[in-house]
Amino acid sequence: MANYAIFDEQYYLSQYPWLKPAIDAGIIKSGREHFEKFGQAAGLTKISRYFDEDTYLAQNQDIAPFVRTANNQNRPFASGLDHFIQFGYEEGRTRVSPDYDEVFYLKRHPEITPFVQNGIFKSGFQHFIQFGKTEGRYGTSFFEPRYLLDNPDVAAVVNAGSLKTGREHYLNFGQFESNRSAVFTGTNGNDNVTGFTAGKNQIVGLQVALATTSPAAGLNKNKYDALKLDEITRLPVLTTNEFDTLIGTPGTDYFVLGDAAPNNRLSFISRVDFYTGSGEARIVNFEKGKDYIQLVESFDRLTISRSGGDLLIQTSGDTIARIQGGANLNLQQISMTNPFNPPVCLTLLG
């Protein structure tokens, strides 16, 4: 049975603007009506920011032989999207867009997993389409809400439908523009996190949420992120026994070992150290003179040691990070402007 839950009226009309005069004239009632009566059979596929025809066919190769081509018009499906609507959505197929990762989404939101297991949702993607995307949830390690908040010009282009997402903009344009930066995040478990190949990437192994603060707290909600903040009314929560791998890129990378989070209960900024206790971060592909370590710990309380070719960053005797192959590096405090805005101590290994 066909399922049209993925259909996005606003996005469809932004992609096929020639439909609006017909709607205004009353010839058709809506973009949805047009798609169901005509567009689906005609092979129109731009109905959602989170469906990509090429991705669906590439990631679901069993479908391709049944999709019509210019040389074979007798196949059963007008497009990969046609198959997805008729069968793929209910079959729980999730490899449909570069802007959605099923494994990340369920790991980021473990409370959804029981509803998938008991069949209320066939997949995390179904939850994302029906609820998550309007609740401010995001489907990949790219911190979409933060990028759009920091780049209102990009948000306007995305809202107009010229680009699907902020992630698409950063991938194709933003990472090559000196005024852009992006955050890539992990979850409340062990993660491998990396950024794109260029640009300024903040690489965070822990879970991230936007902090919207009350005016009484005296904070600018457009400036601060809450890292490890499960809800805006709760204190930052640190995960113990979390071991993350933060992977550098050819761009400029900020490896985050701590940050400043709004503390709404006490109305001030709390400094949050990551990987205290049994957990630690493993930093891979750190490039001397180009990449940075972001900390909140007082510089004079940090110590370094070397083990098996790696450099260990420690506080109070606790290893919070190891730089793979960094035994020949030294820890040095520097003064610079951090593009990500938190009031933290930045250190350079060089």
Protein backbone atom coordinates (compact mmCIF):
# COMPACT_ATOMS: atom_id res chain seq x y z
CA MET A 1 0.00 0.00 0.00
CA ALA A 2 1.39 3.40 -0.96
CA ASN A 3 2.66 5.57 1.87
CA TYR A 4 3.14 9.29 1.27
CA ALA A 5 4.42 10.27 4.72
CA ILE A 6 7.70 11.47 3.23
CA PHE A 7 5.94 13.99 0.98
CA ASP A 8 6.77 17.62 1.84
CA GLU A 9 4.31 20.05 0.26
CA GLN A 10 6.47 23.15 0.66
CA TYR A 11 9.57 21.48 -0.72
CA TYR A 12 7.71 19.94 -3.67
CA LEU A 13 6.31 23.31 -4.71
CA SER A 14 9.73 24.94 -4.34
CA GLN A 15 11.17 22.37 -6.74
CA TYR A 16 8.31 22.57 -9.25
CA PRO A 17 7.18 26.23 -9.06
CA TRP A 18 5.21 25.94 -12.30
CA LEU A 19 2.52 24.16 -10.26
CA LYS A 20 1.55 27.22 -8.22
CA PRO A 21 -0.49 28.95 -10.96
CA ALA A 22 -2.53 25.77 -11.41
CA ILE A 23 -3.17 25.63 -7.66
CA ASP A 24 -4.09 29.34 -7.54
CA ALA A 25 -6.50 28.79 -10.43
CA GLY A 26 -8.11 25.83 -8.67
CA ILE A 27 -7.10 23.36 -11.36
CA ILE A 28 -5.47 21.22 -8.69
CA LYS A 29 -5.87 21.54 -4.95
CA SER A 30 -2.28 21.05 -3.84
CA GLY A 31 1.16 19.80 -4.74
CA ARG A 32 0.29 16.54 -3.01
CA GLU A 33 -2.73 16.03 -5.26
CA HIS A 34 -0.62 16.78 -8.33
CA PHE A 35 2.04 14.31 -7.28
CA GLU A 36 -0.38 11.48 -6.56
CA LYS A 37 -2.36 11.99 -9.80
CA PHE A 38 0.42 12.94 -12.18
CA GLY A 39 3.90 13.53 -10.74
CA GLN A 40 4.56 10.07 -9.35
CA ALA A 41 3.80 8.34 -12.63
CA ALA A 42 5.79 10.97 -14.52
CA GLY A 43 8.88 10.19 -12.49
CA LEU A 44 9.11 13.40 -10.45
CA THR A 45 11.30 12.69 -7.43
CA LYS A 46 11.93 15.97 -5.58
CA ILE A 47 9.33 15.57 -2.88
CA SER A 48 11.47 15.70 0.28
CA ARG A 49 14.73 17.10 1.58
CA TYR A 50 15.42 13.61 2.87
CA PHE A 51 14.96 11.56 -0.26
CA ASP A 52 17.56 11.46 -3.01
CA GLU A 53 16.83 9.41 -6.11
CA ASP A 54 20.48 8.69 -6.94
CA THR A 55 21.27 7.63 -3.38
CA TYR A 56 18.25 5.33 -3.19
CA LEU A 57 19.12 3.53 -6.42
CA ALA A 58 22.83 3.31 -5.56
CA GLN A 59 22.21 2.01 -2.04
CA ASN A 60 19.35 -0.32 -3.01
CA GLN A 61 20.69 -1.95 -6.14
CA ASP A 62 18.00 -4.63 -6.16
CA ILE A 63 15.57 -1.88 -7.20
CA ALA A 64 17.40 -0.53 -10.25
CA PRO A 65 16.41 -3.33 -12.69
CA PHE A 66 12.74 -2.52 -12.07
CA VAL A 67 12.92 1.23 -12.65
CA ARG A 68 12.04 2.61 -16.06
CA THR A 69 14.73 4.06 -18.29
CA ALA A 70 14.67 5.86 -21.63
CA ASN A 71 15.33 2.52 -23.31
CA ASN A 72 12.91 0.48 -21.24
CA GLN A 73 9.56 2.06 -20.45
CA ASN A 74 7.86 -1.21 -19.52
CA ARG A 75 9.41 -1.66 -16.10
CA PRO A 76 7.01 -1.45 -13.14
CA PHE A 77 8.35 1.66 -11.35
CA ALA A 78 8.58 5.18 -12.75
CA SER A 79 11.46 5.96 -10.38
CA GLY A 80 13.22 4.77 -7.26
CA LEU A 81 10.92 7.08 -5.35
CA ASP A 82 7.92 5.35 -6.91
CA HIS A 83 9.21 2.07 -5.46
CA PHE A 84 9.95 3.69 -2.09
CA ILE A 85 6.42 5.04 -1.77
CA GLN A 86 4.79 1.80 -2.83
CA PHE A 87 7.02 -0.59 -0.91
CA GLY A 88 10.34 0.75 0.40
CA TYR A 89 8.99 2.95 3.18
CA GLU A 90 6.96 0.11 4.72
CA GLU A 91 9.84 -2.30 4.18
CA GLY A 92 11.96 -0.12 6.45
CA ARG A 93 14.52 0.88 3.81
CA THR A 94 16.62 3.71 5.23
CA ARG A 95 19.46 4.26 2.76
CA VAL A 96 17.63 7.02 0.97
CA SER A 97 19.61 10.22 1.48
CA PRO A 98 23.15 11.42 2.26
CA ASP A 99 21.51 13.53 4.99
CA TYR A 100 20.30 10.54 6.99
CA ASP A 101 22.21 7.74 8.73
CA GLU A 102 20.04 5.11 10.41
CA VAL A 103 22.78 3.84 12.72
CA PHE A 104 23.64 7.35 13.93
CA TYR A 105 19.99 8.35 14.43
CA LEU A 106 19.10 5.35 16.57
CA LYS A 107 22.33 5.59 18.53
CA ARG A 108 21.77 9.32 19.06
CA HIS A 109 18.15 8.72 20.13
CA PRO A 110 18.07 5.30 21.85
CA GLU A 111 14.60 5.96 23.22
CA ILE A 112 13.27 5.38 19.68
CA THR A 113 14.73 1.88 19.34
CA PRO A 114 11.99 0.09 21.36
CA PHE A 115 9.35 1.57 19.06
CA VAL A 116 11.22 0.18 16.06
CA GLN A 117 11.63 -3.19 17.72
CA ASN A 118 7.93 -3.51 18.51
CA GLY A 119 6.91 -2.44 15.01
CA ILE A 120 5.34 0.95 15.75
CA PHE A 121 7.96 2.31 13.36
CA LYS A 122 9.52 0.16 10.68
CA SER A 123 12.75 2.14 11.05
CA GLY A 124 14.31 5.13 12.72
CA PHE A 125 13.87 6.90 9.39
CA GLN A 126 10.11 6.63 9.70
CA HIS A 127 10.27 8.33 13.09
CA PHE A 128 12.59 10.99 11.67
CA ILE A 129 10.24 11.75 8.77
CA GLN A 130 7.06 11.80 10.86
CA PHE A 131 8.42 13.54 13.95
CA GLY A 132 12.18 13.96 14.25
CA LYS A 133 12.86 16.49 11.52
CA THR A 134 10.26 18.89 12.92
CA GLU A 135 11.51 18.34 16.49
CA GLY A 136 14.97 19.65 15.64
CA ARG A 137 16.58 16.20 15.50
CA TYR A 138 19.25 15.61 12.89
CA GLY A 139 20.15 12.47 11.00
CA THR A 140 23.95 12.50 10.62
CA SER A 141 27.01 13.53 12.62
CA PHE A 142 26.85 16.93 10.90
CA PHE A 143 25.33 19.29 13.49
CA GLU A 144 22.67 20.71 11.17
CA PRO A 145 20.84 23.02 13.64
CA ARG A 146 24.05 24.77 14.66
CA TYR A 147 25.18 25.34 11.07
CA LEU A 148 21.87 26.92 10.08
CA LEU A 149 21.85 29.03 13.25
CA ASP A 150 25.37 30.30 12.58
CA ASN A 151 24.68 30.92 8.88
CA PRO A 152 21.30 32.62 8.43
CA ASP A 153 22.06 33.29 4.77
CA VAL A 154 22.37 29.54 4.24
CA ALA A 155 19.22 28.92 6.26
CA ALA A 156 17.31 31.27 3.94
CA VAL A 157 18.54 29.39 0.87
CA VAL A 158 17.61 26.04 2.46
CA ASN A 159 14.17 27.32 3.47
CA ALA A 160 13.61 28.47 -0.11
CA GLY A 161 14.41 24.98 -1.36
CA SER A 162 17.45 25.91 -3.43
CA LEU A 163 19.44 23.51 -1.24
CA LYS A 164 18.08 20.59 0.74
CA THR A 165 20.05 21.05 3.96
CA GLY A 166 22.85 22.96 5.60
CA ARG A 167 24.95 19.82 5.30
CA GLU A 168 24.56 19.93 1.52
CA HIS A 169 25.71 23.55 1.54
CA TYR A 170 28.78 22.89 3.69
CA LEU A 171 29.74 19.84 1.63
CA ASN A 172 29.52 21.65 -1.70
CA PHE A 173 30.38 25.24 -0.76
CA GLY A 174 30.84 26.11 2.90
CA GLN A 175 33.91 24.04 3.62
CA PHE A 176 35.76 25.98 0.92
CA GLU A 177 34.67 29.41 2.25
CA SER A 178 36.84 31.07 4.89
CA ASN A 179 33.86 32.47 6.83
CA ARG A 180 32.21 29.08 7.42
CA SER A 181 32.79 26.38 10.01
CA ALA A 182 30.89 23.27 11.05
CA VAL A 183 30.48 20.92 14.00
CA PHE A 184 30.57 17.12 13.70
CA THR A 185 29.33 15.18 16.71
CA GLY A 186 29.09 11.76 18.27
CA THR A 187 26.56 10.15 20.59
CA ASN A 188 26.39 8.87 24.16
CA GLY A 189 28.45 5.86 23.15
CA ASN A 190 31.77 5.03 21.56
CA ASP A 191 32.03 6.85 18.22
CA ASN A 192 34.32 7.50 15.29
CA VAL A 193 33.83 11.15 14.31
CA THR A 194 35.38 13.06 11.44
CA GLY A 195 34.60 16.13 9.35
CA PHE A 196 34.67 16.93 5.66
CA THR A 197 37.91 17.17 3.71
CA ALA A 198 38.33 20.96 3.92
CA GLY A 199 37.22 23.92 5.99
CA LYS A 200 37.18 24.46 9.74
CA ASN A 201 35.74 21.41 11.47
CA GLN A 202 34.96 21.10 15.16
CA ILE A 203 35.12 17.38 15.93
CA VAL A 204 33.22 16.35 19.05
CA GLY A 205 33.00 12.76 20.22
CA LEU A 206 30.23 13.42 22.73
CA GLN A 207 26.57 14.12 22.15
CA VAL A 208 25.59 17.70 21.31
CA ALA A 209 22.40 19.70 21.67
CA LEU A 210 21.61 23.36 21.09
CA ALA A 211 21.15 25.30 24.30
CA THR A 212 18.22 27.69 24.21
CA THR A 213 18.54 29.74 27.34
CA SER A 214 16.14 32.03 29.14
CA PRO A 215 16.72 35.81 29.18
CA ALA A 216 17.06 35.56 32.95
CA ALA A 217 20.20 33.55 32.51
CA GLY A 218 21.80 36.47 30.72
CA LEU A 219 22.99 34.31 27.83
CA ASN A 220 22.78 34.70 24.09
CA LYS A 221 21.08 31.60 22.71
CA ASN A 222 22.66 32.25 19.31
CA LYS A 223 26.15 31.91 20.73
CA TYR A 224 26.41 28.94 23.04
CA ASP A 225 26.12 25.22 22.50
CA ALA A 226 25.35 22.83 25.32
CA LEU A 227 27.49 19.76 25.02
CA LYS A 228 26.17 16.80 26.98
CA LEU A 229 23.06 18.77 27.89
CA ASP A 230 20.15 16.32 27.63
CA GLU A 231 17.52 18.96 28.27
CA ILE A 232 17.85 22.72 28.52
CA THR A 233 16.65 22.67 32.14
CA ARG A 234 19.18 20.06 33.28
CA LEU A 235 22.79 20.29 34.31
CA PRO A 236 25.39 19.04 31.84
CA VAL A 237 25.70 15.26 32.10
CA LEU A 238 29.07 13.62 31.53
CA THR A 239 29.31 10.11 30.15
CA THR A 240 31.86 7.88 31.81
CA ASN A 241 33.61 5.00 30.09
CA GLU A 242 33.20 6.62 26.68
CA PHE A 243 36.01 5.99 24.22
CA ASP A 244 35.81 8.02 21.03
CA THR A 245 38.07 8.24 18.00
CA LEU A 246 38.33 11.77 16.60
CA ILE A 247 39.72 11.65 13.07
CA GLY A 248 41.42 14.64 11.50
CA THR A 249 40.85 15.87 7.95
CA PRO A 250 42.98 17.78 5.41
CA GLY A 251 41.16 20.92 6.67
CA THR A 252 41.68 22.72 9.97
CA ASP A 253 40.34 20.63 12.84
CA TYR A 254 39.41 21.56 16.40
CA PHE A 255 39.40 18.42 18.54
CA VAL A 256 37.09 19.11 21.45
CA LEU A 257 38.00 17.83 24.92
CA GLY A 258 35.82 20.27 26.83
CA ASP A 259 33.45 23.16 26.33
CA ALA A 260 31.37 25.76 28.11
CA ALA A 261 27.69 24.97 28.64
CA PRO A 262 24.90 27.23 29.92
CA ASN A 263 23.78 26.12 33.36
CA ASN A 264 20.17 27.25 33.60
CA ARG A 265 19.68 26.23 37.20
CA LEU A 266 22.45 28.47 38.43
CA SER A 267 22.38 31.05 35.62
CA PHE A 268 26.05 30.95 34.69
CA ILE A 269 28.40 29.21 32.30
CA SER A 270 29.59 25.80 33.47
CA ARG A 271 32.92 24.54 32.17
CA VAL A 272 32.55 20.93 31.14
CA ASP A 273 35.55 18.61 30.93
CA PHE A 274 35.12 15.56 28.71
CA TYR A 275 36.48 12.06 29.20
CA THR A 276 36.98 12.35 32.93
CA GLY A 277 37.28 9.02 34.70
CA SER A 278 37.62 5.89 32.60
CA GLY A 279 36.89 7.36 29.18
CA GLU A 280 39.26 9.03 26.73
CA ALA A 281 39.51 10.34 23.20
CA ARG A 282 41.92 8.95 20.62
CA ILE A 283 42.92 11.68 18.17
CA VAL A 284 44.04 10.48 14.76
CA ASN A 285 45.64 12.47 11.91
CA PHE A 286 46.52 15.49 14.05
CA GLU A 287 48.56 17.90 11.90
CA LYS A 288 51.18 20.05 13.57
CA GLY A 289 50.75 23.77 12.92
CA LYS A 290 47.23 23.41 11.54
CA ASP A 291 45.01 21.60 14.03
CA TYR A 292 44.01 22.52 17.58
CA ILE A 293 42.95 20.95 20.85
CA GLN A 294 40.04 22.68 22.59
CA LEU A 295 39.99 22.50 26.38
CA VAL A 296 38.44 24.21 29.37
CA GLU A 297 40.85 22.88 31.95
CA SER A 298 43.28 25.42 33.36
CA PHE A 299 46.50 25.14 31.37
CA ASP A 300 48.70 24.80 34.45
CA ARG A 301 46.71 21.77 35.58
CA LEU A 302 47.42 19.83 32.40
CA THR A 303 50.28 17.39 32.07
CA ILE A 304 51.55 15.41 29.12
CA SER A 305 53.32 12.10 28.90
CA ARG A 306 54.36 9.77 26.13
CA SER A 307 53.49 6.14 25.62
CA GLY A 308 54.20 3.87 22.67
CA GLY A 309 54.64 6.74 20.22
CA ASP A 310 51.50 8.57 21.41
CA LEU A 311 51.21 11.77 23.38
CA LEU A 312 48.84 11.64 26.36
CA ILE A 313 46.98 14.69 27.64
CA GLN A 314 46.17 14.33 31.34
CA THR A 315 44.48 16.26 34.09
CA SER A 316 44.90 15.31 37.74
CA GLY A 317 46.56 12.11 36.59
CA ASP A 318 43.58 11.12 34.41
CA THR A 319 44.22 10.61 30.69
CA ILE A 320 41.56 12.46 28.74
CA ALA A 321 43.08 12.07 25.28
CA ARG A 322 45.90 10.42 23.39
CA ILE A 323 47.31 11.85 20.18
CA GLN A 324 48.19 8.94 17.95
CA GLY A 325 51.79 9.25 16.76
CA GLY A 326 52.21 12.52 18.64
CA ALA A 327 55.05 11.59 20.97
CA ASN A 328 57.31 14.20 19.34
CA LEU A 329 54.82 17.03 19.96
CA ASN A 330 54.63 19.45 22.88
CA LEU A 331 51.68 21.13 24.53
CA GLN A 332 51.58 24.89 24.10
CA GLN A 333 48.93 27.42 25.04
CA ILE A 334 48.07 29.95 22.34
CA SER A 335 45.90 33.01 22.03
CA MET A 336 43.58 33.08 19.04
CA THR A 337 40.00 33.59 17.97
CA ASN A 338 37.99 30.39 18.05
CA PRO A 339 35.38 30.32 15.24
CA PHE A 340 33.08 28.25 17.42
CA ASN A 341 32.78 30.94 20.13
CA PRO A 342 32.94 29.07 23.45
CA PRO A 343 35.06 30.77 26.13
CA VAL A 344 37.62 28.02 26.37
CA CYS A 345 41.37 27.56 26.56
CA LEU A 346 42.73 26.61 23.16
CA THR A 347 45.97 24.70 22.97
CA LEU A 348 48.22 23.92 20.06
CA LEU A 349 50.45 20.93 19.83
CA GLY A 350 53.60 21.81 17.99
